[in-house]
Amino acid sequence: MKCIPHNGLQGIRTMSDRGSDMQRPHRKFLLLAMLELEKTRRTQEKESAGQRAANIDKRLAEIVEEQNCLLASVEVAPRAAISPTSAPSPPAPQGEFMIRY
């Protein structure tokens, strides 16, 4: 007896891919609906990200204002007035740095 080779799913013939897109206009409407949903979701994500960025900017402004108030109460020059050359430099490393386990 002769055995029939089994190709799996690739060997099953169907009618699903035999037709042009003109015969299946519902697919275009489904694609349009899918794109519209994605557009709505991305718009919401964009608005949410913008709101988060605005909240971060607001908090940063509050931090700077609070720092200035604290510096004024201690009677220290603001950070902008302190030059980077007046700050002490870190000490130079001496010898090798070894970590022992």
N, C-alpha and C. Protein backbone atom coordinates (compact mmCIF):
# COMPACT_ATOMS: atom_id res chain seq x y z
N MET A 1 0.82 -1.18 0.00
CA MET A 1 0.00 0.00 0.00
C MET A 1 0.87 1.25 0.00
N LYS A 2 0.44 2.23 -0.70
CA LYS A 2 1.18 3.48 -0.81
C LYS A 2 0.72 4.45 0.28
N CYS A 3 1.69 5.06 1.01
CA CYS A 3 1.36 6.02 2.08
C CYS A 3 1.25 7.41 1.50
N ILE A 4 0.28 8.13 2.00
CA ILE A 4 0.09 9.52 1.60
C ILE A 4 0.92 10.39 2.56
N PRO A 5 1.83 11.22 2.03
CA PRO A 5 2.63 12.08 2.93
C PRO A 5 1.75 13.14 3.57
N HIS A 6 1.99 13.37 4.85
CA HIS A 6 1.23 14.39 5.58
C HIS A 6 2.08 15.64 5.69
N ASN A 7 1.57 16.73 5.20
CA ASN A 7 2.29 18.00 5.25
C ASN A 7 1.86 18.87 6.42
N GLY A 8 0.90 18.45 7.17
CA GLY A 8 0.41 19.25 8.28
C GLY A 8 -0.61 20.28 7.81
N LEU A 9 -0.64 21.41 8.46
CA LEU A 9 -1.61 22.45 8.12
C LEU A 9 -1.37 23.04 6.74
N GLN A 10 -0.13 22.99 6.27
CA GLN A 10 0.17 23.56 4.96
C GLN A 10 -0.51 22.77 3.83
N GLY A 11 -0.83 21.50 4.09
CA GLY A 11 -1.44 20.68 3.05
C GLY A 11 -2.94 20.82 2.96
N ILE A 12 -3.56 21.51 3.88
CA ILE A 12 -5.02 21.67 3.87
C ILE A 12 -5.37 22.83 2.97
N ARG A 13 -6.18 22.54 1.99
CA ARG A 13 -6.58 23.61 1.06
C ARG A 13 -7.86 24.25 1.55
N THR A 14 -7.87 25.57 1.55
CA THR A 14 -9.05 26.32 1.97
C THR A 14 -9.37 27.39 0.94
N MET A 15 -10.52 27.98 1.11
CA MET A 15 -10.95 29.05 0.20
C MET A 15 -10.70 30.43 0.81
N SER A 16 -10.04 30.49 1.96
CA SER A 16 -9.93 31.75 2.67
C SER A 16 -9.09 32.79 1.93
N ASP A 17 -8.07 32.38 1.22
CA ASP A 17 -7.22 33.35 0.56
C ASP A 17 -7.54 33.51 -0.91
N ARG A 18 -8.62 32.99 -1.37
CA ARG A 18 -8.98 33.08 -2.79
C ARG A 18 -10.00 34.18 -3.01
N GLY A 19 -9.63 35.32 -3.03
CA GLY A 19 -10.55 36.41 -3.26
C GLY A 19 -9.81 37.71 -3.11
N SER A 20 -10.25 38.68 -3.84
CA SER A 20 -9.58 39.97 -3.76
C SER A 20 -10.16 40.77 -2.60
N ASP A 21 -9.51 41.84 -2.29
CA ASP A 21 -10.02 42.71 -1.23
C ASP A 21 -11.33 43.38 -1.63
N MET A 22 -11.56 43.45 -2.91
CA MET A 22 -12.83 44.04 -3.36
C MET A 22 -14.00 43.15 -2.97
N GLN A 23 -13.77 41.85 -2.85
CA GLN A 23 -14.84 40.94 -2.46
C GLN A 23 -15.01 40.93 -0.95
N ARG A 24 -14.06 41.49 -0.21
CA ARG A 24 -14.14 41.50 1.25
C ARG A 24 -14.00 42.93 1.77
N PRO A 25 -14.98 43.77 1.53
CA PRO A 25 -14.87 45.16 2.00
C PRO A 25 -14.94 45.28 3.52
N HIS A 26 -15.51 44.29 4.20
CA HIS A 26 -15.60 44.38 5.66
C HIS A 26 -14.21 44.40 6.30
N ARG A 27 -13.23 43.82 5.63
CA ARG A 27 -11.87 43.85 6.18
C ARG A 27 -11.33 45.29 6.23
N LYS A 28 -11.65 46.08 5.24
CA LYS A 28 -11.20 47.47 5.23
C LYS A 28 -11.85 48.25 6.37
N PHE A 29 -13.12 47.98 6.62
CA PHE A 29 -13.80 48.67 7.72
C PHE A 29 -13.22 48.23 9.07
N LEU A 30 -12.88 46.94 9.19
CA LEU A 30 -12.25 46.47 10.42
C LEU A 30 -10.89 47.13 10.62
N LEU A 31 -10.12 47.27 9.55
CA LEU A 31 -8.83 47.94 9.64
C LEU A 31 -9.00 49.41 10.03
N LEU A 32 -10.00 50.05 9.45
CA LEU A 32 -10.27 51.45 9.81
C LEU A 32 -10.63 51.59 11.28
N ALA A 33 -11.47 50.67 11.77
CA ALA A 33 -11.87 50.71 13.17
C ALA A 33 -10.67 50.47 14.09
N MET A 34 -9.82 49.52 13.70
CA MET A 34 -8.64 49.21 14.49
C MET A 34 -7.69 50.42 14.55
N LEU A 35 -7.50 51.08 13.43
CA LEU A 35 -6.64 52.26 13.39
C LEU A 35 -7.22 53.40 14.22
N GLU A 36 -8.52 53.56 14.18
CA GLU A 36 -9.16 54.62 14.96
C GLU A 36 -9.00 54.36 16.46
N LEU A 37 -9.13 53.09 16.87
CA LEU A 37 -8.93 52.76 18.28
C LEU A 37 -7.49 53.01 18.71
N GLU A 38 -6.55 52.65 17.87
CA GLU A 38 -5.15 52.89 18.20
C GLU A 38 -4.86 54.39 18.28
N LYS A 39 -5.45 55.16 17.38
CA LYS A 39 -5.26 56.61 17.39
C LYS A 39 -5.79 57.21 18.68
N THR A 40 -6.95 56.75 19.12
CA THR A 40 -7.54 57.24 20.37
C THR A 40 -6.66 56.89 21.56
N ARG A 41 -6.17 55.65 21.58
CA ARG A 41 -5.32 55.22 22.68
C ARG A 41 -4.02 56.01 22.72
N ARG A 42 -3.41 56.24 21.56
CA ARG A 42 -2.16 57.00 21.51
C ARG A 42 -2.37 58.46 21.92
N THR A 43 -3.51 59.02 21.56
CA THR A 43 -3.82 60.39 21.96
C THR A 43 -3.94 60.49 23.48
N GLN A 44 -4.60 59.51 24.10
CA GLN A 44 -4.72 59.49 25.55
C GLN A 44 -3.35 59.35 26.21
N GLU A 45 -2.49 58.48 25.64
CA GLU A 45 -1.14 58.31 26.18
C GLU A 45 -0.36 59.61 26.10
N LYS A 46 -0.50 60.31 24.98
CA LYS A 46 0.22 61.57 24.79
C LYS A 46 -0.24 62.62 25.80
N GLU A 47 -1.55 62.72 26.01
CA GLU A 47 -2.07 63.68 26.98
C GLU A 47 -1.60 63.34 28.39
N SER A 48 -1.60 62.06 28.71
CA SER A 48 -1.16 61.62 30.04
C SER A 48 0.31 61.93 30.25
N ALA A 49 1.13 61.68 29.24
CA ALA A 49 2.56 61.97 29.34
C ALA A 49 2.80 63.47 29.47
N GLY A 50 2.04 64.27 28.75
CA GLY A 50 2.16 65.73 28.87
C GLY A 50 1.79 66.21 30.26
N GLN A 51 0.76 65.61 30.85
CA GLN A 51 0.34 65.99 32.20
C GLN A 51 1.42 65.61 33.21
N ARG A 52 2.01 64.42 33.04
CA ARG A 52 3.09 64.00 33.95
C ARG A 52 4.28 64.94 33.84
N ALA A 53 4.64 65.34 32.62
CA ALA A 53 5.75 66.27 32.43
C ALA A 53 5.45 67.61 33.07
N ALA A 54 4.22 68.09 32.94
CA ALA A 54 3.83 69.36 33.56
C ALA A 54 3.92 69.26 35.09
N ASN A 55 3.50 68.13 35.64
CA ASN A 55 3.59 67.95 37.10
C ASN A 55 5.04 67.94 37.57
N ILE A 56 5.91 67.31 36.80
CA ILE A 56 7.33 67.27 37.16
C ILE A 56 7.92 68.68 37.10
N ASP A 57 7.60 69.43 36.04
CA ASP A 57 8.11 70.81 35.93
C ASP A 57 7.62 71.67 37.09
N LYS A 58 6.37 71.49 37.48
CA LYS A 58 5.80 72.26 38.59
C LYS A 58 6.54 71.93 39.89
N ARG A 59 6.79 70.65 40.11
CA ARG A 59 7.49 70.24 41.33
C ARG A 59 8.94 70.76 41.34
N LEU A 60 9.60 70.72 40.19
CA LEU A 60 10.97 71.26 40.12
C LEU A 60 10.99 72.74 40.46
N ALA A 61 10.01 73.50 39.98
CA ALA A 61 9.94 74.92 40.30
C ALA A 61 9.72 75.12 41.79
N GLU A 62 8.88 74.28 42.41
CA GLU A 62 8.66 74.37 43.85
C GLU A 62 9.94 74.07 44.62
N ILE A 63 10.70 73.09 44.15
CA ILE A 63 11.96 72.74 44.83
C ILE A 63 12.94 73.89 44.77
N VAL A 64 13.08 74.52 43.60
CA VAL A 64 14.00 75.65 43.46
C VAL A 64 13.56 76.80 44.36
N GLU A 65 12.27 77.06 44.42
CA GLU A 65 11.76 78.14 45.28
C GLU A 65 12.04 77.84 46.75
N GLU A 66 11.83 76.59 47.15
CA GLU A 66 12.08 76.22 48.54
C GLU A 66 13.57 76.29 48.87
N GLN A 67 14.43 75.89 47.92
CA GLN A 67 15.87 76.01 48.14
C GLN A 67 16.28 77.46 48.32
N ASN A 68 15.74 78.34 47.49
CA ASN A 68 16.07 79.76 47.60
C ASN A 68 15.62 80.34 48.93
N CYS A 69 14.44 79.94 49.42
CA CYS A 69 13.95 80.42 50.72
C CYS A 69 14.88 79.95 51.84
N LEU A 70 15.29 78.68 51.77
CA LEU A 70 16.17 78.15 52.81
C LEU A 70 17.54 78.83 52.77
N LEU A 71 18.06 79.05 51.59
CA LEU A 71 19.35 79.73 51.48
C LEU A 71 19.27 81.17 51.96
N ALA A 72 18.15 81.83 51.68
CA ALA A 72 17.98 83.21 52.14
C ALA A 72 17.87 83.28 53.66
N SER A 73 17.23 82.27 54.26
CA SER A 73 17.08 82.29 55.72
C SER A 73 18.40 82.01 56.42
N VAL A 74 19.31 81.32 55.76
CA VAL A 74 20.61 81.02 56.36
C VAL A 74 21.62 82.10 55.99
N GLU A 75 21.23 83.00 55.11
CA GLU A 75 22.07 84.09 54.63
C GLU A 75 23.32 83.57 53.91
N VAL A 76 23.09 82.63 53.02
CA VAL A 76 24.17 82.08 52.20
C VAL A 76 23.92 82.54 50.78
N ALA A 77 24.98 82.75 50.05
CA ALA A 77 24.84 83.17 48.65
C ALA A 77 24.14 82.07 47.86
N PRO A 78 23.30 82.46 46.90
CA PRO A 78 22.62 81.45 46.09
C PRO A 78 23.63 80.62 45.30
N ARG A 79 23.22 79.47 44.88
CA ARG A 79 24.11 78.56 44.17
C ARG A 79 24.66 79.17 42.89
N ALA A 80 23.89 79.98 42.22
CA ALA A 80 24.35 80.57 40.97
C ALA A 80 25.53 81.50 41.21
N ALA A 81 25.61 82.12 42.40
CA ALA A 81 26.68 83.05 42.68
C ALA A 81 27.97 82.35 43.09
N ILE A 82 27.89 81.09 43.49
CA ILE A 82 29.07 80.35 43.90
C ILE A 82 29.78 79.86 42.64
N SER A 83 31.05 80.20 42.51
CA SER A 83 31.78 79.78 41.32
C SER A 83 32.31 78.36 41.50
N PRO A 84 32.41 77.61 40.42
CA PRO A 84 32.88 76.23 40.55
C PRO A 84 34.35 76.14 40.94
N THR A 85 35.13 77.21 40.72
CA THR A 85 36.55 77.17 41.08
C THR A 85 36.76 77.35 42.56
N SER A 86 35.79 77.91 43.29
CA SER A 86 35.95 78.12 44.72
C SER A 86 35.70 76.85 45.51
N ALA A 87 35.08 75.86 44.89
CA ALA A 87 34.80 74.61 45.57
C ALA A 87 36.10 73.80 45.67
N PRO A 88 36.33 73.15 46.81
CA PRO A 88 37.55 72.36 46.95
C PRO A 88 37.52 71.15 46.02
N SER A 89 38.70 70.80 45.51
CA SER A 89 38.77 69.65 44.61
C SER A 89 38.91 68.39 45.45
N PRO A 90 38.43 67.26 44.92
CA PRO A 90 38.54 66.02 45.68
C PRO A 90 40.00 65.61 45.80
N PRO A 91 40.36 64.92 46.88
CA PRO A 91 41.75 64.54 47.08
C PRO A 91 42.20 63.55 45.99
N ALA A 92 43.49 63.63 45.65
CA ALA A 92 44.04 62.74 44.63
C ALA A 92 44.16 61.34 45.22
N PRO A 93 43.88 60.31 44.44
CA PRO A 93 43.99 58.94 44.96
C PRO A 93 45.45 58.59 45.23
N GLN A 94 45.67 57.86 46.29
CA GLN A 94 47.03 57.48 46.66
C GLN A 94 47.16 55.97 46.53
N GLY A 95 48.06 55.53 45.69
CA GLY A 95 48.32 54.11 45.54
C GLY A 95 47.20 53.39 44.80
N GLU A 96 47.19 52.08 44.95
CA GLU A 96 46.19 51.25 44.27
C GLU A 96 44.97 51.07 45.14
N PHE A 97 43.86 50.87 44.47
CA PHE A 97 42.62 50.58 45.19
C PHE A 97 42.34 49.10 44.99
N MET A 98 42.36 48.33 46.04
CA MET A 98 42.16 46.88 45.94
C MET A 98 40.97 46.47 46.77
N ILE A 99 40.20 45.60 46.22
CA ILE A 99 39.09 45.01 46.96
C ILE A 99 39.44 43.55 47.20
N ARG A 100 39.39 43.13 48.42
CA ARG A 100 39.72 41.73 48.76
C ARG A 100 38.44 41.04 49.19
N TYR A 101 38.29 39.85 48.68
CA TYR A 101 37.12 39.05 49.02
C TYR A 101 37.50 37.93 49.95
